[in-house]
Amino acid sequence: MPVAIPSTLDEVVSILSDHPDATLLAGGTDAMVEVNDGHRRPEGTVIALDRVTALRSWRHDPHAGDAGRGVVTIGSAVTYTELMEEPLASLLPALAEASRTVGSPQIRNAGTLGGNLGTCSPAGDGLPVLAALDADVRLVSAAGERTVPVAEFMVGVKRTSIEPGEVIAEIDIPIRDGWQGYAKVGVRNAMVIAIASACLAVDSDAQRVAIALGSVAPTVVRCSEAEDQLSAAVDWDQGTVAADALARFAQLVPAAASPITDHRSSAEYRSHAVGVLGRRLAARAFTVEPGAGAGAAA
């Protein structure tokens, strides 16, 4: 099995042009588990991406984006450990929070955001954050490049819209002026695959709330009805929300889910869990005013 070790993105694209079905290897934290378990046997060329400088860097343009609030562009081979460090942790706090929940320090040192996207497991910790923040994925090939909204990039369980010969180069993440956070439920407190997960992001300028769920559908999903309800219920001048509105939000969040029962959890528990996670995240984002419905779904 030939292994290519390029140092530039142009080299990666050139190798992919000759070997469009080559296996791309970043941190290997997902791929090597499948290889060791006998579920995957790479055939043909393997392209190691860890020495491609352009994929290992990130940048912040404070004036980019539709709203002019700035965009952070993250190379696909940036690790979870790097996402937890400043200044990225302050620019994208939910992504830093999600990164802290990934595996062990060794896994976080090797695992990458692009690898999380490429694997496209519904349980991927970074994916609800990218969905809630309306991230874009930049794909590069010998034919050129294209940018795909992350919601269109993720098409199913471990299935993406990436074409043969393409590599994930960068992820563009708009900066939001407002609170954001990530939470998940698992069978233990650390080194756990999410049974259910959620990211809530507040856009104070647009007076909108976004929430995305992981591990409760074939891919990460947004909760549009719940988002509309909570966005309308928030007192944006005071940063408050009534308890009954928050309880209603917790009821609407699971409506976007279509969970399954497997060896890790039942579908019923997953639906209940995302309602609880949504309520808790919203209660962290806003001051809750007493009222009817207080404590519902807590």
C-alpha atoms as a PDB file:
ATOM      1  CA  MET A   1       0.000   0.000   0.000  1.00  0.00           C
ATOM      2  CA  PRO A   2       1.776   3.209  -1.158  1.00  0.00           C
ATOM      3  CA  VAL A   3       1.715   6.136   1.259  1.00  0.00           C
ATOM      4  CA  ALA A   4       2.099   9.695  -0.029  1.00  0.00           C
ATOM      5  CA  ILE A   5       3.304  12.408   2.364  1.00  0.00           C
ATOM      6  CA  PRO A   6       2.725  15.765   0.658  1.00  0.00           C
ATOM      7  CA  SER A   7       3.680  19.092   2.195  1.00  0.00           C
ATOM      8  CA  THR A   8       1.476  21.413   0.114  1.00  0.00           C
ATOM      9  CA  LEU A   9      -2.182  21.480  -0.860  1.00  0.00           C
ATOM     10  CA  ASP A  10      -1.182  21.528  -4.540  1.00  0.00           C
ATOM     11  CA  GLU A  11       0.639  18.229  -4.027  1.00  0.00           C
ATOM     12  CA  VAL A  12      -2.442  16.737  -2.363  1.00  0.00           C
ATOM     13  CA  VAL A  13      -4.631  17.812  -5.265  1.00  0.00           C
ATOM     14  CA  SER A  14      -2.142  16.459  -7.804  1.00  0.00           C
ATOM     15  CA  ILE A  15      -1.983  13.050  -6.122  1.00  0.00           C
ATOM     16  CA  LEU A  16      -5.774  12.947  -5.843  1.00  0.00           C
ATOM     17  CA  SER A  17      -6.038  13.774  -9.533  1.00  0.00           C
ATOM     18  CA  ASP A  18      -4.069  10.610 -10.327  1.00  0.00           C
ATOM     19  CA  HIS A  19      -5.677   8.569  -7.531  1.00  0.00           C
ATOM     20  CA  PRO A  20      -9.202  10.001  -6.939  1.00  0.00           C
ATOM     21  CA  ASP A  21     -10.152   7.099  -4.673  1.00  0.00           C
ATOM     22  CA  ALA A  22      -7.110   7.482  -2.424  1.00  0.00           C
ATOM     23  CA  THR A  23      -7.643   7.345   1.336  1.00  0.00           C
ATOM     24  CA  LEU A  24      -7.078  10.716   3.016  1.00  0.00           C
ATOM     25  CA  LEU A  25      -5.566  10.353   6.474  1.00  0.00           C
ATOM     26  CA  ALA A  26      -5.520  13.280   8.907  1.00  0.00           C
ATOM     27  CA  GLY A  27      -5.407  12.383  12.605  1.00  0.00           C
ATOM     28  CA  GLY A  28      -6.580   8.833  11.963  1.00  0.00           C
ATOM     29  CA  THR A  29      -8.609   8.724  15.174  1.00  0.00           C
ATOM     30  CA  ASP A  30     -11.662   7.391  13.329  1.00  0.00           C
ATOM     31  CA  ALA A  31     -10.029   5.644  10.376  1.00  0.00           C
ATOM     32  CA  MET A  32      -7.539   3.606  12.368  1.00  0.00           C
ATOM     33  CA  VAL A  33     -10.252   2.329  14.704  1.00  0.00           C
ATOM     34  CA  GLU A  34     -12.124   0.997  11.679  1.00  0.00           C
ATOM     35  CA  VAL A  35      -8.925  -0.531  10.285  1.00  0.00           C
ATOM     36  CA  ASN A  36      -8.071  -2.182  13.604  1.00  0.00           C
ATOM     37  CA  ASP A  37     -11.628  -3.518  13.932  1.00  0.00           C
ATOM     38  CA  GLY A  38     -11.498  -4.949  10.429  1.00  0.00           C
ATOM     39  CA  HIS A  39     -14.260  -2.688   9.096  1.00  0.00           C
ATOM     40  CA  ARG A  40     -11.990  -0.884   6.637  1.00  0.00           C
ATOM     41  CA  ARG A  41      -9.123  -2.019   4.446  1.00  0.00           C
ATOM     42  CA  PRO A  42      -7.636   0.904   2.498  1.00  0.00           C
ATOM     43  CA  GLU A  43      -6.863  -0.101  -1.052  1.00  0.00           C
ATOM     44  CA  GLY A  44      -4.498   1.864  -3.211  1.00  0.00           C
ATOM     45  CA  THR A  45      -2.796   5.065  -2.135  1.00  0.00           C
ATOM     46  CA  VAL A  46      -3.005   6.600   1.324  1.00  0.00           C
ATOM     47  CA  ILE A  47      -2.389  10.357   1.518  1.00  0.00           C
ATOM     48  CA  ALA A  48      -1.153  11.590   4.904  1.00  0.00           C
ATOM     49  CA  LEU A  49      -2.235  15.206   5.472  1.00  0.00           C
ATOM     50  CA  ASP A  50      -0.497  16.036   8.740  1.00  0.00           C
ATOM     51  CA  ARG A  51       2.465  17.786   7.059  1.00  0.00           C
ATOM     52  CA  VAL A  52       0.423  20.044   4.785  1.00  0.00           C
ATOM     53  CA  THR A  53       1.026  23.460   6.316  1.00  0.00           C
ATOM     54  CA  ALA A  54      -1.958  25.107   4.631  1.00  0.00           C
ATOM     55  CA  LEU A  55      -4.295  22.596   6.268  1.00  0.00           C
ATOM     56  CA  ARG A  56      -2.740  23.040   9.711  1.00  0.00           C
ATOM     57  CA  SER A  57      -3.345  26.794   9.981  1.00  0.00           C
ATOM     58  CA  TRP A  58      -6.266  29.135  10.652  1.00  0.00           C
ATOM     59  CA  ARG A  59      -7.025  32.830  10.214  1.00  0.00           C
ATOM     60  CA  HIS A  60      -9.516  35.428  11.389  1.00  0.00           C
ATOM     61  CA  ASP A  61     -10.903  38.137   9.127  1.00  0.00           C
ATOM     62  CA  PRO A  62     -12.791  40.524  11.448  1.00  0.00           C
ATOM     63  CA  HIS A  63     -14.594  42.245   8.569  1.00  0.00           C
ATOM     64  CA  ALA A  64     -15.682  39.266   6.463  1.00  0.00           C
ATOM     65  CA  GLY A  65     -19.089  37.609   6.342  1.00  0.00           C
ATOM     66  CA  ASP A  66     -22.520  38.729   5.220  1.00  0.00           C
ATOM     67  CA  ALA A  67     -23.092  40.700   8.407  1.00  0.00           C
ATOM     68  CA  GLY A  68     -19.547  42.045   8.564  1.00  0.00           C
ATOM     69  CA  ARG A  69     -18.924  40.558  12.025  1.00  0.00           C
ATOM     70  CA  GLY A  70     -16.018  38.462  10.901  1.00  0.00           C
ATOM     71  CA  VAL A  71     -15.236  34.908   9.837  1.00  0.00           C
ATOM     72  CA  VAL A  72     -12.785  32.377  11.213  1.00  0.00           C
ATOM     73  CA  THR A  73     -11.310  30.084   8.565  1.00  0.00           C
ATOM     74  CA  ILE A  74      -9.953  26.829   9.965  1.00  0.00           C
ATOM     75  CA  GLY A  75      -7.727  24.466   8.014  1.00  0.00           C
ATOM     76  CA  SER A  76      -9.108  20.948   7.901  1.00  0.00           C
ATOM     77  CA  ALA A  77      -6.095  19.478   9.733  1.00  0.00           C
ATOM     78  CA  VAL A  78      -6.307  21.817  12.753  1.00  0.00           C
ATOM     79  CA  THR A  79      -6.603  19.632  15.859  1.00  0.00           C
ATOM     80  CA  TYR A  80      -9.113  19.704  18.692  1.00  0.00           C
ATOM     81  CA  THR A  81      -6.334  20.756  21.067  1.00  0.00           C
ATOM     82  CA  GLU A  82      -5.649  23.820  18.930  1.00  0.00           C
ATOM     83  CA  LEU A  83      -9.371  24.649  18.838  1.00  0.00           C
ATOM     84  CA  MET A  84      -9.367  24.730  22.652  1.00  0.00           C
ATOM     85  CA  GLU A  85      -6.572  27.303  22.813  1.00  0.00           C
ATOM     86  CA  GLU A  86      -6.753  31.093  22.697  1.00  0.00           C
ATOM     87  CA  PRO A  87      -7.646  33.095  20.726  1.00  0.00           C
ATOM     88  CA  LEU A  88      -9.769  30.463  18.952  1.00  0.00           C
ATOM     89  CA  ALA A  89     -11.480  29.505  22.204  1.00  0.00           C
ATOM     90  CA  SER A  90     -12.826  33.043  22.591  1.00  0.00           C
ATOM     91  CA  LEU A  91     -13.726  33.488  18.925  1.00  0.00           C
ATOM     92  CA  LEU A  92     -15.617  30.179  18.761  1.00  0.00           C
ATOM     93  CA  PRO A  93     -16.462  29.201  22.347  1.00  0.00           C
ATOM     94  CA  ALA A  94     -18.940  26.444  21.449  1.00  0.00           C
ATOM     95  CA  LEU A  95     -16.382  24.753  19.217  1.00  0.00           C
ATOM     96  CA  ALA A  96     -13.818  24.926  22.011  1.00  0.00           C
ATOM     97  CA  GLU A  97     -16.374  23.487  24.433  1.00  0.00           C
ATOM     98  CA  ALA A  98     -17.175  20.635  22.043  1.00  0.00           C
ATOM     99  CA  SER A  99     -13.469  19.960  21.494  1.00  0.00           C
ATOM    100  CA  ARG A 100     -12.918  19.521  25.234  1.00  0.00           C
ATOM    101  CA  THR A 101     -15.405  16.637  25.234  1.00  0.00           C
ATOM    102  CA  VAL A 102     -13.575  14.675  22.517  1.00  0.00           C
ATOM    103  CA  GLY A 103     -11.806  11.539  23.737  1.00  0.00           C
ATOM    104  CA  SER A 104      -8.580  11.794  25.688  1.00  0.00           C
ATOM    105  CA  PRO A 105      -5.756  14.358  25.420  1.00  0.00           C
ATOM    106  CA  GLN A 106      -3.993  12.013  22.988  1.00  0.00           C
ATOM    107  CA  ILE A 107      -7.080  11.886  20.762  1.00  0.00           C
ATOM    108  CA  ARG A 108      -7.514  15.654  20.914  1.00  0.00           C
ATOM    109  CA  ASN A 109      -3.862  16.124  19.940  1.00  0.00           C
ATOM    110  CA  ALA A 110      -4.347  14.005  16.803  1.00  0.00           C
ATOM    111  CA  GLY A 111      -8.015  14.355  15.829  1.00  0.00           C
ATOM    112  CA  THR A 112      -8.937  17.150  13.421  1.00  0.00           C
ATOM    113  CA  LEU A 113     -12.006  19.183  12.554  1.00  0.00           C
ATOM    114  CA  GLY A 114     -11.745  18.172   8.899  1.00  0.00           C
ATOM    115  CA  GLY A 115     -11.539  14.533   9.904  1.00  0.00           C
ATOM    116  CA  ASN A 116     -14.717  14.959  11.956  1.00  0.00           C
ATOM    117  CA  LEU A 117     -16.432  16.366   8.872  1.00  0.00           C
ATOM    118  CA  GLY A 118     -15.044  13.728   6.541  1.00  0.00           C
ATOM    119  CA  THR A 119     -16.154  10.867   8.789  1.00  0.00           C
ATOM    120  CA  CYS A 120     -19.572  12.563   9.160  1.00  0.00           C
ATOM    121  CA  SER A 121     -20.758  10.444  12.063  1.00  0.00           C
ATOM    122  CA  PRO A 122     -24.005  11.827  13.534  1.00  0.00           C
ATOM    123  CA  ALA A 123     -22.205  11.656  16.895  1.00  0.00           C
ATOM    124  CA  GLY A 124     -19.298  13.857  15.774  1.00  0.00           C
ATOM    125  CA  ASP A 125     -18.829  16.485  18.464  1.00  0.00           C
ATOM    126  CA  GLY A 126     -17.793  19.312  16.171  1.00  0.00           C
ATOM    127  CA  LEU A 127     -20.658  18.903  13.728  1.00  0.00           C
ATOM    128  CA  PRO A 128     -23.591  20.373  15.737  1.00  0.00           C
ATOM    129  CA  VAL A 129     -21.456  23.462  16.334  1.00  0.00           C
ATOM    130  CA  LEU A 130     -20.686  23.879  12.639  1.00  0.00           C
ATOM    131  CA  ALA A 131     -24.380  23.399  11.815  1.00  0.00           C
ATOM    132  CA  ALA A 132     -25.602  25.894  14.431  1.00  0.00           C
ATOM    133  CA  LEU A 133     -23.084  28.490  13.247  1.00  0.00           C
ATOM    134  CA  ASP A 134     -23.912  28.025   9.544  1.00  0.00           C
ATOM    135  CA  ALA A 135     -20.387  27.057   8.580  1.00  0.00           C
ATOM    136  CA  ASP A 136     -19.241  26.533   4.990  1.00  0.00           C
ATOM    137  CA  VAL A 137     -16.882  23.803   3.767  1.00  0.00           C
ATOM    138  CA  ARG A 138     -14.334  24.638   1.058  1.00  0.00           C
ATOM    139  CA  LEU A 139     -13.492  21.676  -1.168  1.00  0.00           C
ATOM    140  CA  VAL A 140     -10.517  21.689  -3.527  1.00  0.00           C
ATOM    141  CA  SER A 141      -9.709  19.443  -6.496  1.00  0.00           C
ATOM    142  CA  ALA A 142      -7.763  19.580  -9.740  1.00  0.00           C
ATOM    143  CA  ALA A 143     -10.915  20.994 -11.375  1.00  0.00           C
ATOM    144  CA  GLY A 144     -10.992  23.961  -8.999  1.00  0.00           C
ATOM    145  CA  GLU A 145     -12.750  24.632  -5.741  1.00  0.00           C
ATOM    146  CA  ARG A 146     -16.286  24.947  -4.446  1.00  0.00           C
ATOM    147  CA  THR A 147     -17.877  26.024  -1.194  1.00  0.00           C
ATOM    148  CA  VAL A 148     -20.693  23.979   0.308  1.00  0.00           C
ATOM    149  CA  PRO A 149     -22.870  24.918   3.326  1.00  0.00           C
ATOM    150  CA  VAL A 150     -22.208  22.377   6.046  1.00  0.00           C
ATOM    151  CA  ALA A 151     -25.890  21.398   6.080  1.00  0.00           C
ATOM    152  CA  GLU A 152     -25.574  20.332   2.434  1.00  0.00           C
ATOM    153  CA  PHE A 153     -22.183  18.713   2.964  1.00  0.00           C
ATOM    154  CA  MET A 154     -23.571  16.234   5.517  1.00  0.00           C
ATOM    155  CA  VAL A 155     -26.028  14.027   3.652  1.00  0.00           C
ATOM    156  CA  GLY A 156     -26.379  10.910   5.832  1.00  0.00           C
ATOM    157  CA  VAL A 157     -24.748   8.497   8.256  1.00  0.00           C
ATOM    158  CA  LYS A 158     -21.046   8.785   7.408  1.00  0.00           C
ATOM    159  CA  ARG A 159     -21.985  10.143   3.973  1.00  0.00           C
ATOM    160  CA  THR A 160     -20.995  13.523   2.556  1.00  0.00           C
ATOM    161  CA  SER A 161     -21.358  15.405  -0.709  1.00  0.00           C
ATOM    162  CA  ILE A 162     -17.611  15.302  -1.345  1.00  0.00           C
ATOM    163  CA  GLU A 163     -16.720  14.101  -4.847  1.00  0.00           C
ATOM    164  CA  PRO A 164     -13.828  11.804  -5.864  1.00  0.00           C
ATOM    165  CA  GLY A 165     -10.665  13.853  -6.197  1.00  0.00           C
ATOM    166  CA  GLU A 166     -11.771  16.496  -3.683  1.00  0.00           C
ATOM    167  CA  VAL A 167     -10.181  17.289  -0.337  1.00  0.00           C
ATOM    168  CA  ILE A 168     -11.627  19.343   2.514  1.00  0.00           C
ATOM    169  CA  ALA A 169      -9.345  22.365   2.606  1.00  0.00           C
ATOM    170  CA  GLU A 170     -10.966  24.801   5.024  1.00  0.00           C
ATOM    171  CA  ILE A 171     -14.060  25.483   7.082  1.00  0.00           C
ATOM    172  CA  ASP A 172     -15.424  29.045   7.214  1.00  0.00           C
ATOM    173  CA  ILE A 173     -17.263  29.813  10.458  1.00  0.00           C
ATOM    174  CA  PRO A 174     -19.090  33.146  10.885  1.00  0.00           C
ATOM    175  CA  ILE A 175     -18.563  34.966  14.163  1.00  0.00           C
ATOM    176  CA  ARG A 176     -21.732  35.473  16.191  1.00  0.00           C
ATOM    177  CA  ASP A 177     -22.313  38.319  18.640  1.00  0.00           C
ATOM    178  CA  GLY A 178     -24.010  36.343  21.392  1.00  0.00           C
ATOM    179  CA  TRP A 179     -23.723  33.403  23.755  1.00  0.00           C
ATOM    180  CA  GLN A 180     -23.048  29.919  22.411  1.00  0.00           C
ATOM    181  CA  GLY A 181     -22.487  26.534  24.019  1.00  0.00           C
ATOM    182  CA  TYR A 182     -22.353  22.775  23.487  1.00  0.00           C
ATOM    183  CA  ALA A 183     -23.482  19.867  25.629  1.00  0.00           C
ATOM    184  CA  LYS A 184     -23.828  16.133  25.225  1.00  0.00           C
ATOM    185  CA  VAL A 185     -25.072  13.075  27.087  1.00  0.00           C
ATOM    186  CA  GLY A 186     -23.071   9.852  27.328  1.00  0.00           C
ATOM    187  CA  VAL A 187     -22.745   6.738  29.426  1.00  0.00           C
ATOM    188  CA  ARG A 188     -19.901   8.296  31.433  1.00  0.00           C
ATOM    189  CA  ASN A 189     -18.407  11.726  32.064  1.00  0.00           C
ATOM    190  CA  ALA A 190     -15.373  11.524  29.754  1.00  0.00           C
ATOM    191  CA  MET A 191     -14.033   9.715  26.691  1.00  0.00           C
ATOM    192  CA  VAL A 192     -17.524   8.925  25.484  1.00  0.00           C
ATOM    193  CA  ILE A 193     -19.394   8.909  22.176  1.00  0.00           C
ATOM    194  CA  ALA A 194     -22.453  11.127  22.424  1.00  0.00           C
ATOM    195  CA  ILE A 195     -25.815   9.443  22.975  1.00  0.00           C
ATOM    196  CA  ALA A 196     -27.287  12.858  22.212  1.00  0.00           C
ATOM    197  CA  SER A 197     -25.723  16.281  21.759  1.00  0.00           C
ATOM    198  CA  ALA A 198     -26.742  19.868  21.088  1.00  0.00           C
ATOM    199  CA  CYS A 199     -25.229  23.227  20.246  1.00  0.00           C
ATOM    200  CA  LEU A 200     -27.119  26.450  20.854  1.00  0.00           C
ATOM    201  CA  ALA A 201     -25.860  29.713  19.377  1.00  0.00           C
ATOM    202  CA  VAL A 202     -27.319  33.182  19.884  1.00  0.00           C
ATOM    203  CA  ASP A 203     -27.053  35.884  17.218  1.00  0.00           C
ATOM    204  CA  SER A 204     -27.855  39.053  19.145  1.00  0.00           C
ATOM    205  CA  ASP A 205     -27.570  41.325  16.111  1.00  0.00           C
ATOM    206  CA  ALA A 206     -30.083  39.308  14.095  1.00  0.00           C
ATOM    207  CA  GLN A 207     -32.091  38.477  17.247  1.00  0.00           C
ATOM    208  CA  ARG A 208     -32.043  34.804  16.358  1.00  0.00           C
ATOM    209  CA  VAL A 209     -31.336  31.559  18.192  1.00  0.00           C
ATOM    210  CA  ALA A 210     -29.954  28.491  16.417  1.00  0.00           C
ATOM    211  CA  ILE A 211     -29.868  24.959  17.801  1.00  0.00           C
ATOM    212  CA  ALA A 212     -28.442  21.856  16.142  1.00  0.00           C
ATOM    213  CA  LEU A 213     -28.646  18.263  17.389  1.00  0.00           C
ATOM    214  CA  GLY A 214     -26.274  15.324  17.058  1.00  0.00           C
ATOM    215  CA  SER A 215     -26.763  11.557  17.482  1.00  0.00           C
ATOM    216  CA  VAL A 216     -30.546  11.762  17.031  1.00  0.00           C
ATOM    217  CA  ALA A 217     -30.916  11.526  13.234  1.00  0.00           C
ATOM    218  CA  PRO A 218     -28.986  10.172  10.228  1.00  0.00           C
ATOM    219  CA  THR A 219     -27.040  13.418  10.273  1.00  0.00           C
ATOM    220  CA  VAL A 220     -26.891  16.589  12.356  1.00  0.00           C
ATOM    221  CA  VAL A 221     -30.205  18.486  12.267  1.00  0.00           C
ATOM    222  CA  ARG A 222     -31.370  22.035  12.953  1.00  0.00           C
ATOM    223  CA  CYS A 223     -34.569  22.630  14.940  1.00  0.00           C
ATOM    224  CA  SER A 224     -36.233  25.335  12.852  1.00  0.00           C
ATOM    225  CA  GLU A 225     -39.591  25.415  14.647  1.00  0.00           C
ATOM    226  CA  ALA A 226     -37.941  25.562  18.060  1.00  0.00           C
ATOM    227  CA  GLU A 227     -35.570  28.275  16.829  1.00  0.00           C
ATOM    228  CA  ASP A 228     -38.444  30.425  15.571  1.00  0.00           C
ATOM    229  CA  GLN A 229     -40.385  29.991  18.811  1.00  0.00           C
ATOM    230  CA  LEU A 230     -37.532  30.912  21.145  1.00  0.00           C
ATOM    231  CA  SER A 231     -36.266  33.754  18.952  1.00  0.00           C
ATOM    232  CA  ALA A 232     -39.728  35.342  19.114  1.00  0.00           C
ATOM    233  CA  ALA A 233     -40.054  34.761  22.868  1.00  0.00           C
ATOM    234  CA  VAL A 234     -36.773  36.383  23.942  1.00  0.00           C
ATOM    235  CA  ASP A 235     -36.771  39.945  25.251  1.00  0.00           C
ATOM    236  CA  TRP A 236     -33.670  40.976  23.333  1.00  0.00           C
ATOM    237  CA  ASP A 237     -33.274  44.296  25.120  1.00  0.00           C
ATOM    238  CA  GLN A 238     -33.151  42.607  28.526  1.00  0.00           C
ATOM    239  CA  GLY A 239     -31.709  39.232  27.511  1.00  0.00           C
ATOM    240  CA  THR A 240     -34.561  37.399  29.239  1.00  0.00           C
ATOM    241  CA  VAL A 241     -37.069  34.702  28.391  1.00  0.00           C
ATOM    242  CA  ALA A 242     -40.174  33.560  30.245  1.00  0.00           C
ATOM    243  CA  ALA A 243     -40.062  30.132  31.857  1.00  0.00           C
ATOM    244  CA  ASP A 244     -43.152  28.941  30.021  1.00  0.00           C
ATOM    245  CA  ALA A 245     -41.583  29.894  26.682  1.00  0.00           C
ATOM    246  CA  LEU A 246     -38.456  27.995  27.650  1.00  0.00           C
ATOM    247  CA  ALA A 247     -40.551  24.951  28.527  1.00  0.00           C
ATOM    248  CA  ARG A 248     -42.259  25.161  25.144  1.00  0.00           C
ATOM    249  CA  PHE A 249     -38.841  25.360  23.469  1.00  0.00           C
ATOM    250  CA  ALA A 250     -37.794  22.171  25.266  1.00  0.00           C
ATOM    251  CA  GLN A 251     -40.877  20.448  23.871  1.00  0.00           C
ATOM    252  CA  LEU A 252     -40.234  21.613  20.300  1.00  0.00           C
ATOM    253  CA  VAL A 253     -36.546  20.653  20.130  1.00  0.00           C
ATOM    254  CA  PRO A 254     -37.139  16.859  19.981  1.00  0.00           C
ATOM    255  CA  ALA A 255     -39.593  17.336  17.108  1.00  0.00           C
ATOM    256  CA  ALA A 256     -36.631  17.770  14.747  1.00  0.00           C
ATOM    257  CA  ALA A 257     -35.078  14.469  15.852  1.00  0.00           C
ATOM    258  CA  SER A 258     -35.599  11.008  14.384  1.00  0.00           C
ATOM    259  CA  PRO A 259     -33.523   8.884  16.771  1.00  0.00           C
ATOM    260  CA  ILE A 260     -32.982   5.139  16.712  1.00  0.00           C
ATOM    261  CA  THR A 261     -32.621   2.569  19.445  1.00  0.00           C
ATOM    262  CA  ASP A 262     -29.220   0.900  19.500  1.00  0.00           C
ATOM    263  CA  HIS A 263     -26.801  -0.679  21.980  1.00  0.00           C
ATOM    264  CA  ARG A 264     -26.025   2.709  23.529  1.00  0.00           C
ATOM    265  CA  SER A 265     -29.502   4.146  24.079  1.00  0.00           C
ATOM    266  CA  SER A 266     -33.186   3.951  23.282  1.00  0.00           C
ATOM    267  CA  ALA A 267     -34.863   6.313  20.851  1.00  0.00           C
ATOM    268  CA  GLU A 268     -37.153   7.542  23.630  1.00  0.00           C
ATOM    269  CA  TYR A 269     -34.228   8.484  25.852  1.00  0.00           C
ATOM    270  CA  ARG A 270     -32.480  10.325  23.029  1.00  0.00           C
ATOM    271  CA  SER A 271     -35.599  12.393  22.323  1.00  0.00           C
ATOM    272  CA  HIS A 272     -35.962  13.240  26.007  1.00  0.00           C
ATOM    273  CA  ALA A 273     -32.249  14.072  26.297  1.00  0.00           C
ATOM    274  CA  VAL A 274     -32.152  16.646  23.506  1.00  0.00           C
ATOM    275  CA  GLY A 275     -35.121  18.445  25.041  1.00  0.00           C
ATOM    276  CA  VAL A 276     -33.268  18.639  28.344  1.00  0.00           C
ATOM    277  CA  LEU A 277     -30.034  19.731  26.671  1.00  0.00           C
ATOM    278  CA  GLY A 278     -31.845  22.412  24.665  1.00  0.00           C
ATOM    279  CA  ARG A 279     -33.519  23.799  27.770  1.00  0.00           C
ATOM    280  CA  ARG A 280     -30.313  23.840  29.786  1.00  0.00           C
ATOM    281  CA  LEU A 281     -28.351  25.564  27.027  1.00  0.00           C
ATOM    282  CA  ALA A 282     -31.067  28.194  26.564  1.00  0.00           C
ATOM    283  CA  ALA A 283     -31.154  28.789  30.333  1.00  0.00           C
ATOM    284  CA  ARG A 284     -27.419  29.464  30.180  1.00  0.00           C
ATOM    285  CA  ALA A 285     -27.869  31.842  27.257  1.00  0.00           C
ATOM    286  CA  PHE A 286     -30.678  33.947  28.758  1.00  0.00           C
ATOM    287  CA  THR A 287     -31.991  35.004  32.143  1.00  0.00           C
ATOM    288  CA  VAL A 288     -35.144  32.985  32.829  1.00  0.00           C
ATOM    289  CA  GLU A 289     -38.089  34.885  34.249  1.00  0.00           C
ATOM    290  CA  PRO A 290     -40.400  33.032  36.649  1.00  0.00           C
ATOM    291  CA  GLY A 291     -43.704  31.955  35.238  1.00  0.00           C
ATOM    292  CA  ALA A 292     -45.902  29.063  34.269  1.00  0.00           C
ATOM    293  CA  GLY A 293     -43.972  26.069  33.060  1.00  0.00           C
ATOM    294  CA  ALA A 294     -40.912  26.622  35.248  1.00  0.00           C
ATOM    295  CA  GLY A 295     -39.077  23.354  35.709  1.00  0.00           C
ATOM    296  CA  ALA A 296     -40.700  21.666  32.709  1.00  0.00           C
ATOM    297  CA  ALA A 297     -38.361  19.240  30.953  1.00  0.00           C
ATOM    298  CA  ALA A 298     -35.653  19.938  33.565  1.00  0.00           C
END
